[in-house]
Amino acid sequence: NGDPWIATSGQTAGADLWWPVKDHPS
């Protein structure tokens, strides 16, 4: 219908793509 549809992804690239974080699985 033309409405915004927004989603995040970042398993191998890291959560730091969109928020400040200690980007390590440990």
PDB file of all heavy atoms in Angstrom:
ATOM      1  N   ASN A   1       0.811  -1.218   0.000  1.00  0.00           N
ATOM      2  CA  ASN A   1       0.000   0.000   0.000  1.00  0.00           C
ATOM      3  C   ASN A   1       0.841   1.264   0.000  1.00  0.00           C
ATOM      4  O   ASN A   1       0.300   2.375   0.068  1.00  0.00           O
ATOM      5  CB  ASN A   1      -0.929   0.018   1.216  1.00  0.00           C
ATOM      6  CG  ASN A   1      -2.021  -1.036   1.120  1.00  0.00           C
ATOM      7  OD1 ASN A   1      -2.406  -1.428   0.016  1.00  0.00           O
ATOM      8  ND2 ASN A   1      -2.506  -1.492   2.251  1.00  0.00           N
ATOM      9  N   GLY A   2       2.184   1.128  -0.029  1.00  0.00           N
ATOM     10  CA  GLY A   2       3.049   2.289  -0.075  1.00  0.00           C
ATOM     11  C   GLY A   2       3.440   2.855   1.273  1.00  0.00           C
ATOM     12  O   GLY A   2       4.048   3.935   1.345  1.00  0.00           O
ATOM     13  N   ASP A   3       3.124   2.155   2.364  1.00  0.00           N
ATOM     14  CA  ASP A   3       3.505   2.617   3.698  1.00  0.00           C
ATOM     15  C   ASP A   3       4.936   2.199   4.022  1.00  0.00           C
ATOM     16  O   ASP A   3       5.436   1.204   3.481  1.00  0.00           O
ATOM     17  CB  ASP A   3       2.559   2.030   4.752  1.00  0.00           C
ATOM     18  CG  ASP A   3       1.142   2.539   4.602  1.00  0.00           C
ATOM     19  OD1 ASP A   3       0.969   3.766   4.486  1.00  0.00           O
ATOM     20  OD2 ASP A   3       0.215   1.701   4.595  1.00  0.00           O
ATOM     21  N   PRO A   4       5.619   2.916   4.934  1.00  0.00           N
ATOM     22  CA  PRO A   4       6.966   2.512   5.340  1.00  0.00           C
ATOM     23  C   PRO A   4       6.975   1.108   5.945  1.00  0.00           C
ATOM     24  O   PRO A   4       6.067   0.737   6.702  1.00  0.00           O
ATOM     25  CB  PRO A   4       7.349   3.569   6.386  1.00  0.00           C
ATOM     26  CG  PRO A   4       6.512   4.753   6.045  1.00  0.00           C
ATOM     27  CD  PRO A   4       5.210   4.187   5.561  1.00  0.00           C
ATOM     28  N   TRP A   5       8.013   0.358   5.599  1.00  0.00           N
ATOM     29  CA  TRP A   5       8.206  -1.007   6.111  1.00  0.00           C
ATOM     30  C   TRP A   5       9.703  -1.131   6.390  1.00  0.00           C
ATOM     31  O   TRP A   5      10.508  -1.240   5.474  1.00  0.00           O
ATOM     32  CB  TRP A   5       7.734  -2.004   5.069  1.00  0.00           C
ATOM     33  CG  TRP A   5       7.668  -3.425   5.526  1.00  0.00           C
ATOM     34  CD1 TRP A   5       7.789  -3.917   6.789  1.00  0.00           C
ATOM     35  CD2 TRP A   5       7.456  -4.571   4.680  1.00  0.00           C
ATOM     36  NE1 TRP A   5       7.658  -5.276   6.798  1.00  0.00           N
ATOM     37  CE2 TRP A   5       7.451  -5.704   5.518  1.00  0.00           C
ATOM     38  CE3 TRP A   5       7.276  -4.728   3.307  1.00  0.00           C
ATOM     39  CZ2 TRP A   5       7.281  -6.987   5.004  1.00  0.00           C
ATOM     40  CZ3 TRP A   5       7.095  -6.003   2.804  1.00  0.00           C
ATOM     41  CH2 TRP A   5       7.094  -7.128   3.637  1.00  0.00           C
ATOM     42  N   ILE A   6      10.057  -1.065   7.654  1.00  0.00           N
ATOM     43  CA  ILE A   6      11.452  -0.899   8.068  1.00  0.00           C
ATOM     44  C   ILE A   6      11.861  -2.076   8.943  1.00  0.00           C
ATOM     45  O   ILE A   6      11.102  -2.525   9.805  1.00  0.00           O
ATOM     46  CB  ILE A   6      11.619   0.418   8.858  1.00  0.00           C
ATOM     47  CG1 ILE A   6      11.091   1.599   8.028  1.00  0.00           C
ATOM     48  CG2 ILE A   6      13.083   0.654   9.235  1.00  0.00           C
ATOM     49  CD1 ILE A   6      10.844   2.855   8.854  1.00  0.00           C
ATOM     50  N   ALA A   7      13.067  -2.572   8.725  1.00  0.00           N
ATOM     51  CA  ALA A   7      13.557  -3.689   9.534  1.00  0.00           C
ATOM     52  C   ALA A   7      15.076  -3.611   9.651  1.00  0.00           C
ATOM     53  O   ALA A   7      15.756  -3.044   8.792  1.00  0.00           O
ATOM     54  CB  ALA A   7      13.137  -5.021   8.919  1.00  0.00           C
ATOM     55  N   THR A   8      15.592  -4.206  10.721  1.00  0.00           N
ATOM     56  CA  THR A   8      17.033  -4.253  10.962  1.00  0.00           C
ATOM     57  C   THR A   8      17.553  -5.666  10.771  1.00  0.00           C
ATOM     58  O   THR A   8      16.839  -6.651  10.962  1.00  0.00           O
ATOM     59  CB  THR A   8      17.372  -3.802  12.391  1.00  0.00           C
ATOM     60  OG1 THR A   8      16.698  -4.663  13.335  1.00  0.00           O
ATOM     61  CG2 THR A   8      16.934  -2.358  12.628  1.00  0.00           C
ATOM     62  N   SER A   9      18.829  -5.765  10.399  1.00  0.00           N
ATOM     63  CA  SER A   9      19.528  -7.048  10.340  1.00  0.00           C
ATOM     64  C   SER A   9      21.004  -6.771  10.554  1.00  0.00           C
ATOM     65  O   SER A   9      21.502  -5.717  10.166  1.00  0.00           O
ATOM     66  CB  SER A   9      19.297  -7.755   8.995  1.00  0.00           C
ATOM     67  OG  SER A   9      19.677  -6.914   7.911  1.00  0.00           O
ATOM     68  N   GLY A  10      21.721  -7.725  11.173  1.00  0.00           N
ATOM     69  CA  GLY A  10      23.130  -7.429  11.434  1.00  0.00           C
ATOM     70  C   GLY A  10      23.921  -8.551  12.064  1.00  0.00           C
ATOM     71  O   GLY A  10      24.869  -8.291  12.807  1.00  0.00           O
ATOM     72  N   GLN A  11      23.557  -9.814  11.759  1.00  0.00           N
ATOM     73  CA  GLN A  11      24.252 -10.915  12.431  1.00  0.00           C
ATOM     74  C   GLN A  11      25.747 -10.922  12.165  1.00  0.00           C
ATOM     75  O   GLN A  11      26.542 -10.970  13.095  1.00  0.00           O
ATOM     76  CB  GLN A  11      23.653 -12.257  11.996  1.00  0.00           C
ATOM     77  CG  GLN A  11      24.317 -13.446  12.700  1.00  0.00           C
ATOM     78  CD  GLN A  11      23.698 -14.774  12.283  1.00  0.00           C
ATOM     79  OE1 GLN A  11      23.632 -15.080  11.105  1.00  0.00           O
ATOM     80  NE2 GLN A  11      23.247 -15.544  13.235  1.00  0.00           N
ATOM     81  N   THR A  12      26.161 -10.880  10.909  1.00  0.00           N
ATOM     82  CA  THR A  12      27.590 -10.954  10.614  1.00  0.00           C
ATOM     83  C   THR A  12      28.237  -9.580  10.513  1.00  0.00           C
ATOM     84  O   THR A  12      29.447  -9.455  10.666  1.00  0.00           O
ATOM     85  CB  THR A  12      27.840 -11.719   9.302  1.00  0.00           C
ATOM     86  OG1 THR A  12      27.125 -11.087   8.235  1.00  0.00           O
ATOM     87  CG2 THR A  12      27.376 -13.162   9.437  1.00  0.00           C
ATOM     88  N   ALA A  13      27.441  -8.539  10.231  1.00  0.00           N
ATOM     89  CA  ALA A  13      28.003  -7.195  10.112  1.00  0.00           C
ATOM     90  C   ALA A  13      28.049  -6.470  11.450  1.00  0.00           C
ATOM     91  O   ALA A  13      28.881  -5.588  11.645  1.00  0.00           O
ATOM     92  CB  ALA A  13      27.197  -6.378   9.106  1.00  0.00           C
ATOM     93  N   GLY A  14      27.171  -6.810  12.378  1.00  0.00           N
ATOM     94  CA  GLY A  14      27.224  -6.233  13.708  1.00  0.00           C
ATOM     95  C   GLY A  14      26.074  -5.308  14.026  1.00  0.00           C
ATOM     96  O   GLY A  14      25.576  -4.576  13.164  1.00  0.00           O
ATOM     97  N   ALA A  15      25.667  -5.320  15.301  1.00  0.00           N
ATOM     98  CA  ALA A  15      24.587  -4.443  15.754  1.00  0.00           C
ATOM     99  C   ALA A  15      24.993  -2.985  15.734  1.00  0.00           C
ATOM    100  O   ALA A  15      24.143  -2.094  15.739  1.00  0.00           O
ATOM    101  CB  ALA A  15      24.169  -4.843  17.175  1.00  0.00           C
ATOM    102  N   ASP A  16      26.307  -2.709  15.694  1.00  0.00           N
ATOM    103  CA  ASP A  16      26.782  -1.326  15.684  1.00  0.00           C
ATOM    104  C   ASP A  16      26.428  -0.597  14.396  1.00  0.00           C
ATOM    105  O   ASP A  16      26.699   0.594  14.260  1.00  0.00           O
ATOM    106  CB  ASP A  16      28.286  -1.267  15.930  1.00  0.00           C
ATOM    107  CG  ASP A  16      29.100  -1.988  14.860  1.00  0.00           C
ATOM    108  OD1 ASP A  16      28.654  -3.053  14.404  1.00  0.00           O
ATOM    109  OD2 ASP A  16      30.168  -1.491  14.495  1.00  0.00           O
ATOM    110  N   LEU A  17      25.816  -1.277  13.443  1.00  0.00           N
ATOM    111  CA  LEU A  17      25.323  -0.609  12.246  1.00  0.00           C
ATOM    112  C   LEU A  17      24.230   0.400  12.577  1.00  0.00           C
ATOM    113  O   LEU A  17      23.998   1.339  11.814  1.00  0.00           O
ATOM    114  CB  LEU A  17      24.777  -1.635  11.251  1.00  0.00           C
ATOM    115  CG  LEU A  17      25.812  -2.452  10.480  1.00  0.00           C
ATOM    116  CD1 LEU A  17      25.129  -3.549   9.701  1.00  0.00           C
ATOM    117  CD2 LEU A  17      26.615  -1.557   9.555  1.00  0.00           C
ATOM    118  N   TRP A  18      23.535   0.189  13.731  1.00  0.00           N
ATOM    119  CA  TRP A  18      22.427   1.105  14.016  1.00  0.00           C
ATOM    120  C   TRP A  18      22.341   1.553  15.476  1.00  0.00           C
ATOM    121  O   TRP A  18      21.541   2.430  15.789  1.00  0.00           O
ATOM    122  CB  TRP A  18      21.102   0.517  13.544  1.00  0.00           C
ATOM    123  CG  TRP A  18      20.648  -0.766  14.195  1.00  0.00           C
ATOM    124  CD1 TRP A  18      21.158  -2.014  14.016  1.00  0.00           C
ATOM    125  CD2 TRP A  18      19.559  -0.919  15.109  1.00  0.00           C
ATOM    126  NE1 TRP A  18      20.465  -2.939  14.754  1.00  0.00           N
ATOM    127  CE2 TRP A  18      19.470  -2.294  15.426  1.00  0.00           C
ATOM    128  CE3 TRP A  18      18.642  -0.043  15.685  1.00  0.00           C
ATOM    129  CZ2 TRP A  18      18.510  -2.814  16.303  1.00  0.00           C
ATOM    130  CZ3 TRP A  18      17.673  -0.556  16.553  1.00  0.00           C
ATOM    131  CH2 TRP A  18      17.615  -1.923  16.845  1.00  0.00           C
ATOM    132  N   TRP A  19      23.184   0.999  16.360  1.00  0.00           N
ATOM    133  CA  TRP A  19      23.210   1.524  17.734  1.00  0.00           C
ATOM    134  C   TRP A  19      24.569   1.258  18.376  1.00  0.00           C
ATOM    135  O   TRP A  19      25.263   0.309  18.003  1.00  0.00           O
ATOM    136  CB  TRP A  19      22.060   0.957  18.575  1.00  0.00           C
ATOM    137  CG  TRP A  19      21.983  -0.536  18.739  1.00  0.00           C
ATOM    138  CD1 TRP A  19      21.584  -1.442  17.818  1.00  0.00           C
ATOM    139  CD2 TRP A  19      22.281  -1.286  19.933  1.00  0.00           C
ATOM    140  NE1 TRP A  19      21.610  -2.718  18.342  1.00  0.00           N
ATOM    141  CE2 TRP A  19      22.034  -2.655  19.634  1.00  0.00           C
ATOM    142  CE3 TRP A  19      22.725  -0.951  21.206  1.00  0.00           C
ATOM    143  CZ2 TRP A  19      22.219  -3.662  20.575  1.00  0.00           C
ATOM    144  CZ3 TRP A  19      22.904  -1.953  22.152  1.00  0.00           C
ATOM    145  CH2 TRP A  19      22.655  -3.301  21.827  1.00  0.00           C
ATOM    146  N   PRO A  20      24.991   2.114  19.327  1.00  0.00           N
ATOM    147  CA  PRO A  20      26.286   1.938  19.989  1.00  0.00           C
ATOM    148  C   PRO A  20      26.257   0.712  20.893  1.00  0.00           C
ATOM    149  O   PRO A  20      25.335   0.537  21.698  1.00  0.00           O
ATOM    150  CB  PRO A  20      26.444   3.224  20.829  1.00  0.00           C
ATOM    151  CG  PRO A  20      25.407   4.167  20.316  1.00  0.00           C
ATOM    152  CD  PRO A  20      24.287   3.326  19.801  1.00  0.00           C
ATOM    153  N   VAL A  21      27.284  -0.131  20.792  1.00  0.00           N
ATOM    154  CA  VAL A  21      27.224  -1.427  21.446  1.00  0.00           C
ATOM    155  C   VAL A  21      28.629  -2.005  21.569  1.00  0.00           C
ATOM    156  O   VAL A  21      29.529  -1.642  20.803  1.00  0.00           O
ATOM    157  CB  VAL A  21      26.319  -2.383  20.613  1.00  0.00           C
ATOM    158  CG1 VAL A  21      26.910  -2.621  19.224  1.00  0.00           C
ATOM    159  CG2 VAL A  21      26.077  -3.711  21.318  1.00  0.00           C
ATOM    160  N   LYS A  22      28.825  -2.867  22.507  1.00  0.00           N
ATOM    161  CA  LYS A  22      30.024  -3.704  22.540  1.00  0.00           C
ATOM    162  C   LYS A  22      29.736  -4.867  21.592  1.00  0.00           C
ATOM    163  O   LYS A  22      29.050  -5.821  21.941  1.00  0.00           O
ATOM    164  CB  LYS A  22      30.307  -4.198  23.956  1.00  0.00           C
ATOM    165  CG  LYS A  22      31.530  -5.108  24.091  1.00  0.00           C
ATOM    166  CD  LYS A  22      31.720  -5.517  25.548  1.00  0.00           C
ATOM    167  CE  LYS A  22      32.853  -6.503  25.732  1.00  0.00           C
ATOM    168  NZ  LYS A  22      33.013  -6.891  27.168  1.00  0.00           N
ATOM    169  N   ASP A  23      30.286  -4.778  20.396  1.00  0.00           N
ATOM    170  CA  ASP A  23      29.890  -5.684  19.320  1.00  0.00           C
ATOM    171  C   ASP A  23      30.740  -6.948  19.343  1.00  0.00           C
ATOM    172  O   ASP A  23      31.642  -7.128  18.520  1.00  0.00           O
ATOM    173  CB  ASP A  23      30.001  -4.973  17.970  1.00  0.00           C
ATOM    174  CG  ASP A  23      29.508  -5.835  16.828  1.00  0.00           C
ATOM    175  OD1 ASP A  23      28.531  -6.575  17.053  1.00  0.00           O
ATOM    176  OD2 ASP A  23      30.106  -5.783  15.743  1.00  0.00           O
ATOM    177  N   HIS A  24      30.441  -7.807  20.287  1.00  0.00           N
ATOM    178  CA  HIS A  24      31.150  -9.082  20.395  1.00  0.00           C
ATOM    179  C   HIS A  24      30.206 -10.096  21.028  1.00  0.00           C
ATOM    180  O   HIS A  24      29.510  -9.779  22.001  1.00  0.00           O
ATOM    181  CB  HIS A  24      32.408  -8.932  21.260  1.00  0.00           C
ATOM    182  CG  HIS A  24      33.391 -10.033  21.057  1.00  0.00           C
ATOM    183  ND1 HIS A  24      33.279 -11.258  21.693  1.00  0.00           N
ATOM    184  CD2 HIS A  24      34.504 -10.122  20.279  1.00  0.00           C
ATOM    185  CE1 HIS A  24      34.287 -12.040  21.321  1.00  0.00           C
ATOM    186  NE2 HIS A  24      35.037 -11.366  20.469  1.00  0.00           N
ATOM    187  N   PRO A  25      30.155 -11.330  20.497  1.00  0.00           N
ATOM    188  CA  PRO A  25      29.183 -12.298  21.009  1.00  0.00           C
ATOM    189  C   PRO A  25      29.427 -12.722  22.450  1.00  0.00           C
ATOM    190  O   PRO A  25      28.530 -13.293  23.084  1.00  0.00           O
ATOM    191  CB  PRO A  25      29.328 -13.488  20.048  1.00  0.00           C
ATOM    192  CG  PRO A  25      30.703 -13.359  19.475  1.00  0.00           C
ATOM    193  CD  PRO A  25      30.952 -11.880  19.376  1.00  0.00           C
ATOM    194  N   SER A  26      30.612 -12.447  22.990  1.00  0.00           N
ATOM    195  CA  SER A  26      30.949 -12.911  24.335  1.00  0.00           C
ATOM    196  C   SER A  26      30.271 -12.110  25.441  1.00  0.00           C
ATOM    197  O   SER A  26      30.298 -12.518  26.602  1.00  0.00           O
ATOM    198  CB  SER A  26      32.470 -12.857  24.548  1.00  0.00           C
ATOM    199  OG  SER A  26      32.934 -11.518  24.484  1.00  0.00           O
TER     200      SER A  26
END
